[in-house]
Amino acid sequence: MNRLMQLEFQKQPKRWQGILVSFNLLTAFLVSFILPRMPENIFAFLARFFKMNNQTEMILLNDYLGLYVVVFWVAFFEYLSIFVIPAEEGYLQLLLSKPLTKRQYLLNKLIPALSSALGWGLCLMVGTGLGIAVINGLSDFQLGNYLAISGICVALGLLMGFLTLFLLLWFKDTYNAILIGFAVWLIPILPSALFMYRPDIFVAIPWLRWILVFPANLIWLGEQSQLFALWLIPALGLLSTGLVLLTATVWESQDLV
C-alpha cells in the first residue's frame, strides 16, 4: 500500500456518510414500526399493488431500495474526488505529476472509496435486518433471502457507481456530474415508478415486471432469490471490474481530463 492509498484510507469513513446511513436506518425503523399499525385496508391495497404477501415483504421493499441508494451515493460522491473536483479546481495535473500512472492513481483513489461503500452497505444490512427482527419478529423473515437480495442490491449499487465513474471522464464540473449521477441512479428504479403509475403496461407484457421492477422483482422470487444471487452477484462483480478496467484504459489512451 503506497502513501496515496494510505492517505485515502485515513479519510474514511466520513461524517456525511454516517449521517446518510443513520438517516436511512431511522427511516427503516420508522417504516418497520408504522406499517404494521396502518389501517388494514391501506396495507391490503399496498400489498396488492406491489404484489407482496405480508408486512415483512412490504418493509423489505423499502429497505432494499434504501440499501441500493446508500451504496450508490456513498460511492458516487467519493468518485467525484477522483476526476471531477480536482479537474474543476485545477489541481488534477498536479496529482498526476507524481510518480504514478493514471491507472495507479485511479486504483489508489478507488479502492478506499469502494471499501467505504461496501462497509456502509454491510452496516445497513445488519442494522435493517436487526430492526425487522426486533420490531416485526422473525415469522416472515427469511435470513437467506434477505442476505441474497441485499447482496444483489449492494452489487447493483456498485455497478451503477462504476458506470457513473466511467461517464465522469467527460465532465469537469460538479453540477453536470451530479446530473449524470442522478440519471444513472434512476435507471434501475424508474421501471418501479412506471409500475406504480402505469401498471397496465406490465399487464400487457407480464414478463417485463419480473425483469425490470427492482427491487420488488427480487422479493417475488422468494427462495429462488438465493440461487439467483449465486450467479447474479458474481456477474455484476465481473461487469464492475470490466467497467473499472475500461475507465482506466480510456483515461490512459485519451486526454479527456
Protein backbone atom coordinates (compact mmCIF):
# COMPACT_ATOMS: atom_id res chain seq x y z
CA MET A 1 0.00 0.00 0.00
CA ASN A 2 1.56 3.29 -1.08
CA ARG A 3 1.29 6.68 0.57
CA LEU A 4 -1.62 7.92 -1.55
CA MET A 5 -3.80 4.92 -0.71
CA GLN A 6 -2.89 5.23 2.97
CA LEU A 7 -3.98 8.87 2.93
CA GLU A 8 -7.24 7.97 1.22
CA PHE A 9 -8.00 5.23 3.76
CA GLN A 10 -7.27 7.68 6.57
CA LYS A 11 -10.03 9.95 5.22
CA GLN A 12 -12.60 7.15 5.63
CA PRO A 13 -15.21 6.96 7.00
CA LYS A 14 -16.57 10.48 6.55
CA ARG A 15 -19.14 12.20 8.73
CA TRP A 16 -21.65 12.80 5.93
CA GLN A 17 -21.61 9.09 5.13
CA GLY A 18 -22.51 8.25 8.71
CA ILE A 19 -25.32 10.82 8.64
CA LEU A 20 -26.70 9.34 5.41
CA VAL A 21 -26.63 5.80 6.77
CA SER A 22 -28.12 6.88 10.12
CA PHE A 23 -30.96 8.68 8.34
CA ASN A 24 -31.62 5.60 6.24
CA LEU A 25 -31.63 3.35 9.30
CA LEU A 26 -34.00 5.70 11.12
CA THR A 27 -36.32 5.64 8.10
CA ALA A 28 -36.17 1.84 8.01
CA PHE A 29 -37.02 1.60 11.72
CA LEU A 30 -39.92 4.03 11.33
CA VAL A 31 -41.32 2.04 8.41
CA SER A 32 -40.96 -1.18 10.43
CA PHE A 33 -42.84 0.42 13.32
CA ILE A 34 -45.54 2.32 11.41
CA LEU A 35 -46.51 -0.12 8.64
CA PRO A 36 -47.98 -2.83 10.94
CA ARG A 37 -50.06 -0.14 12.65
CA MET A 38 -51.61 1.20 9.47
CA PRO A 39 -55.30 0.50 8.79
CA GLU A 40 -55.77 -2.96 7.33
CA ASN A 41 -57.42 -1.68 4.17
CA ILE A 42 -54.43 0.57 3.37
CA PHE A 43 -51.98 -2.27 3.89
CA ALA A 44 -54.14 -4.59 1.77
CA PHE A 45 -54.12 -2.03 -1.04
CA LEU A 46 -50.34 -1.58 -0.90
CA ALA A 47 -49.72 -5.31 -0.70
CA ARG A 48 -51.98 -5.99 -3.66
CA PHE A 49 -50.47 -3.12 -5.62
CA PHE A 50 -46.87 -4.29 -5.11
CA LYS A 51 -47.82 -7.99 -5.03
CA MET A 52 -46.36 -8.53 -1.56
CA ASN A 53 -47.50 -11.45 0.60
CA ASN A 54 -47.05 -9.96 4.08
CA GLN A 55 -45.97 -6.93 6.07
CA THR A 56 -42.34 -8.03 6.26
CA GLU A 57 -42.06 -8.09 2.48
CA MET A 58 -43.54 -4.58 2.30
CA ILE A 59 -40.96 -3.37 4.82
CA LEU A 60 -38.13 -5.10 2.98
CA LEU A 61 -39.18 -3.42 -0.26
CA ASN A 62 -38.26 -0.10 1.35
CA ASP A 63 -35.11 -1.47 2.98
CA TYR A 64 -33.67 -2.95 -0.21
CA LEU A 65 -34.24 0.28 -2.09
CA GLY A 66 -32.56 2.20 0.72
CA LEU A 67 -29.57 -0.12 0.58
CA TYR A 68 -29.13 0.48 -3.15
CA VAL A 69 -29.47 4.24 -2.63
CA VAL A 70 -26.85 4.41 0.14
CA VAL A 71 -24.25 2.26 -1.61
CA PHE A 72 -24.60 4.20 -4.87
CA TRP A 73 -24.41 7.69 -3.39
CA VAL A 74 -21.58 6.93 -0.97
CA ALA A 75 -19.58 5.57 -3.91
CA PHE A 76 -20.61 8.39 -6.26
CA PHE A 77 -19.58 11.29 -4.04
CA GLU A 78 -16.25 9.59 -3.38
CA TYR A 79 -15.74 9.16 -7.12
CA LEU A 80 -16.22 12.90 -7.64
CA SER A 81 -12.89 13.43 -5.88
CA ILE A 82 -11.08 11.24 -8.42
CA PHE A 83 -11.69 13.19 -11.63
CA VAL A 84 -14.25 15.94 -11.38
CA ILE A 85 -13.37 18.00 -8.31
CA PRO A 86 -9.59 18.02 -8.99
CA ALA A 87 -10.24 19.00 -12.63
CA GLU A 88 -12.76 21.67 -11.63
CA GLU A 89 -10.41 23.19 -9.05
CA GLY A 90 -7.37 22.92 -11.33
CA TYR A 91 -5.11 20.54 -9.40
CA LEU A 92 -5.66 17.24 -11.24
CA GLN A 93 -2.49 17.67 -13.29
CA LEU A 94 -0.58 18.30 -10.06
CA LEU A 95 -1.82 14.99 -8.66
CA LEU A 96 -0.81 13.22 -11.86
CA SER A 97 2.65 14.81 -11.83
CA LYS A 98 3.62 12.47 -9.01
CA PRO A 99 5.34 9.18 -9.95
CA LEU A 100 2.02 7.43 -10.57
CA THR A 101 0.43 6.34 -13.81
CA LYS A 102 -3.19 7.29 -14.38
CA ARG A 103 -4.18 3.67 -13.73
CA GLN A 104 -2.28 3.61 -10.43
CA TYR A 105 -3.79 6.93 -9.38
CA LEU A 106 -7.28 5.67 -10.22
CA LEU A 107 -6.90 2.43 -8.27
CA ASN A 108 -5.31 4.14 -5.26
CA LYS A 109 -8.28 6.51 -5.03
CA LEU A 110 -10.89 3.92 -5.98
CA ILE A 111 -10.09 1.10 -3.56
CA PRO A 112 -10.63 3.18 -0.36
CA ALA A 113 -13.85 4.63 -1.82
CA LEU A 114 -15.08 1.15 -2.72
CA SER A 115 -14.20 -0.13 0.75
CA SER A 116 -16.18 2.68 2.33
CA ALA A 117 -19.26 1.98 0.21
CA LEU A 118 -19.07 -1.75 0.99
CA GLY A 119 -18.56 -1.10 4.70
CA TRP A 120 -21.56 1.20 4.98
CA GLY A 121 -23.62 -1.23 2.92
CA LEU A 122 -22.76 -4.00 5.38
CA CYS A 123 -23.67 -1.78 8.34
CA LEU A 124 -27.01 -1.00 6.75
CA MET A 125 -27.68 -4.68 6.00
CA VAL A 126 -27.04 -5.62 9.63
CA GLY A 127 -28.96 -2.65 11.04
CA THR A 128 -32.11 -3.08 8.95
CA GLY A 129 -32.09 -6.85 9.47
CA LEU A 130 -31.88 -6.43 13.23
CA GLY A 131 -34.58 -3.77 13.10
CA ILE A 132 -37.01 -6.12 11.40
CA ALA A 133 -36.13 -8.95 13.79
CA VAL A 134 -36.69 -6.79 16.89
CA ILE A 135 -39.67 -4.72 15.75
CA ASN A 136 -41.55 -7.11 13.46
CA GLY A 137 -40.36 -10.56 14.52
CA LEU A 138 -38.95 -13.46 12.54
CA SER A 139 -42.11 -15.27 11.47
CA ASP A 140 -41.97 -13.93 7.88
CA PHE A 141 -38.29 -13.03 7.79
CA GLN A 142 -36.13 -15.40 5.75
CA LEU A 143 -32.46 -14.74 6.52
CA GLY A 144 -31.16 -16.49 3.40
CA ASN A 145 -33.42 -14.49 1.12
CA TYR A 146 -32.53 -11.29 2.94
CA LEU A 147 -28.79 -11.82 2.55
CA ALA A 148 -29.14 -12.83 -1.10
CA ILE A 149 -31.27 -9.86 -2.12
CA SER A 150 -29.22 -7.44 -0.03
CA GLY A 151 -26.08 -8.70 -1.75
CA ILE A 152 -27.66 -8.10 -5.14
CA CYS A 153 -28.67 -4.56 -4.13
CA VAL A 154 -25.13 -3.78 -2.98
CA ALA A 155 -23.59 -5.25 -6.13
CA LEU A 156 -26.03 -3.31 -8.33
CA GLY A 157 -25.32 -0.07 -6.47
CA LEU A 158 -21.59 -0.56 -7.01
CA LEU A 159 -22.08 -1.41 -10.69
CA MET A 160 -24.11 1.73 -11.33
CA GLY A 161 -21.49 3.69 -9.41
CA PHE A 162 -18.75 2.34 -11.68
CA LEU A 163 -20.83 3.21 -14.73
CA THR A 164 -21.05 6.76 -13.42
CA LEU A 165 -17.30 6.78 -12.78
CA PHE A 166 -16.70 5.93 -16.44
CA LEU A 167 -19.04 8.68 -17.61
CA LEU A 168 -17.37 11.21 -15.30
CA LEU A 169 -14.28 11.06 -17.51
CA TRP A 170 -16.03 13.53 -19.81
CA PHE A 171 -17.04 16.08 -17.15
CA LYS A 172 -15.05 18.78 -15.41
CA ASP A 173 -17.76 20.41 -13.31
CA THR A 174 -19.65 19.12 -10.28
CA TYR A 175 -23.07 20.33 -11.41
CA ASN A 176 -23.19 18.26 -14.60
CA ALA A 177 -21.51 15.34 -12.86
CA ILE A 178 -24.29 15.24 -10.26
CA LEU A 179 -26.90 15.36 -13.03
CA ILE A 180 -25.22 12.35 -14.63
CA GLY A 181 -25.18 10.63 -11.24
CA PHE A 182 -28.92 11.13 -10.79
CA ALA A 183 -29.62 9.86 -14.29
CA VAL A 184 -27.60 6.68 -13.77
CA TRP A 185 -29.01 6.14 -10.27
CA LEU A 186 -32.55 6.30 -11.65
CA ILE A 187 -32.02 3.66 -14.34
CA PRO A 188 -32.81 0.60 -12.14
CA ILE A 189 -35.69 2.22 -10.23
CA LEU A 190 -37.54 4.10 -12.99
CA PRO A 191 -39.42 0.93 -14.05
CA SER A 192 -40.76 0.65 -10.49
CA ALA A 193 -42.21 4.15 -10.75
CA LEU A 194 -43.71 3.21 -14.10
CA PHE A 195 -45.14 0.07 -12.49
CA MET A 196 -46.88 2.26 -9.89
CA TYR A 197 -48.41 4.74 -12.32
CA ARG A 198 -48.90 2.61 -15.44
CA PRO A 199 -49.43 -1.00 -14.29
CA ASP A 200 -51.40 -1.67 -17.46
CA ILE A 201 -48.14 -1.74 -19.41
CA PHE A 202 -46.92 -4.65 -17.32
CA VAL A 203 -50.26 -6.43 -17.57
CA ALA A 204 -49.92 -6.39 -21.34
CA ILE A 205 -46.33 -7.69 -21.12
CA PRO A 206 -46.18 -9.72 -17.85
CA TRP A 207 -42.54 -10.80 -18.08
CA LEU A 208 -41.40 -7.15 -18.02
CA ARG A 209 -42.18 -6.78 -14.33
CA TRP A 210 -40.05 -9.81 -13.48
CA ILE A 211 -37.08 -8.27 -15.23
CA LEU A 212 -37.43 -4.54 -14.62
CA VAL A 213 -39.38 -3.78 -11.42
CA PHE A 214 -36.48 -3.51 -8.96
CA PRO A 215 -36.34 -4.37 -6.07
CA ALA A 216 -39.83 -5.90 -5.92
CA ASN A 217 -38.91 -8.49 -8.56
CA LEU A 218 -36.25 -9.91 -6.23
CA ILE A 219 -38.80 -10.31 -3.43
CA TRP A 220 -41.22 -12.04 -5.81
CA LEU A 221 -38.59 -14.72 -6.43
CA GLY A 222 -38.94 -15.99 -2.86
CA GLU A 223 -36.41 -18.68 -2.00
CA GLN A 224 -35.26 -18.75 -5.62
CA SER A 225 -33.56 -15.42 -4.90
CA GLN A 226 -30.78 -17.34 -3.16
CA LEU A 227 -29.97 -19.33 -6.30
CA PHE A 228 -30.39 -16.20 -8.39
CA ALA A 229 -27.85 -14.36 -6.23
CA LEU A 230 -25.26 -17.13 -6.65
CA TRP A 231 -24.73 -16.22 -10.29
CA LEU A 232 -26.02 -12.64 -10.44
CA ILE A 233 -23.69 -11.20 -7.79
CA PRO A 234 -20.55 -12.62 -9.47
CA ALA A 235 -21.87 -11.44 -12.85
CA LEU A 236 -22.38 -7.91 -11.50
CA GLY A 237 -18.91 -8.09 -9.98
CA LEU A 238 -17.38 -9.04 -13.33
CA LEU A 239 -19.22 -6.20 -15.05
CA SER A 240 -17.98 -3.79 -12.38
CA THR A 241 -14.40 -4.99 -12.85
CA GLY A 242 -14.76 -4.57 -16.59
CA LEU A 243 -16.03 -1.01 -16.17
CA VAL A 244 -13.09 -0.10 -13.93
CA LEU A 245 -10.61 -1.53 -16.44
CA LEU A 246 -12.40 0.26 -19.28
CA THR A 247 -12.29 3.53 -17.34
CA ALA A 248 -8.56 3.17 -16.72
CA THR A 249 -7.86 2.22 -20.34
CA VAL A 250 -9.88 5.08 -21.82
CA TRP A 251 -8.34 7.59 -19.43
CA GLU A 252 -4.83 6.43 -20.28
CA SER A 253 -5.42 6.49 -24.03
CA GLN A 254 -7.18 9.85 -24.30
CA ASP A 255 -6.56 13.25 -22.82
CA LEU A 256 -10.11 13.61 -21.52
CA VAL A 257 -9.43 15.48 -18.32
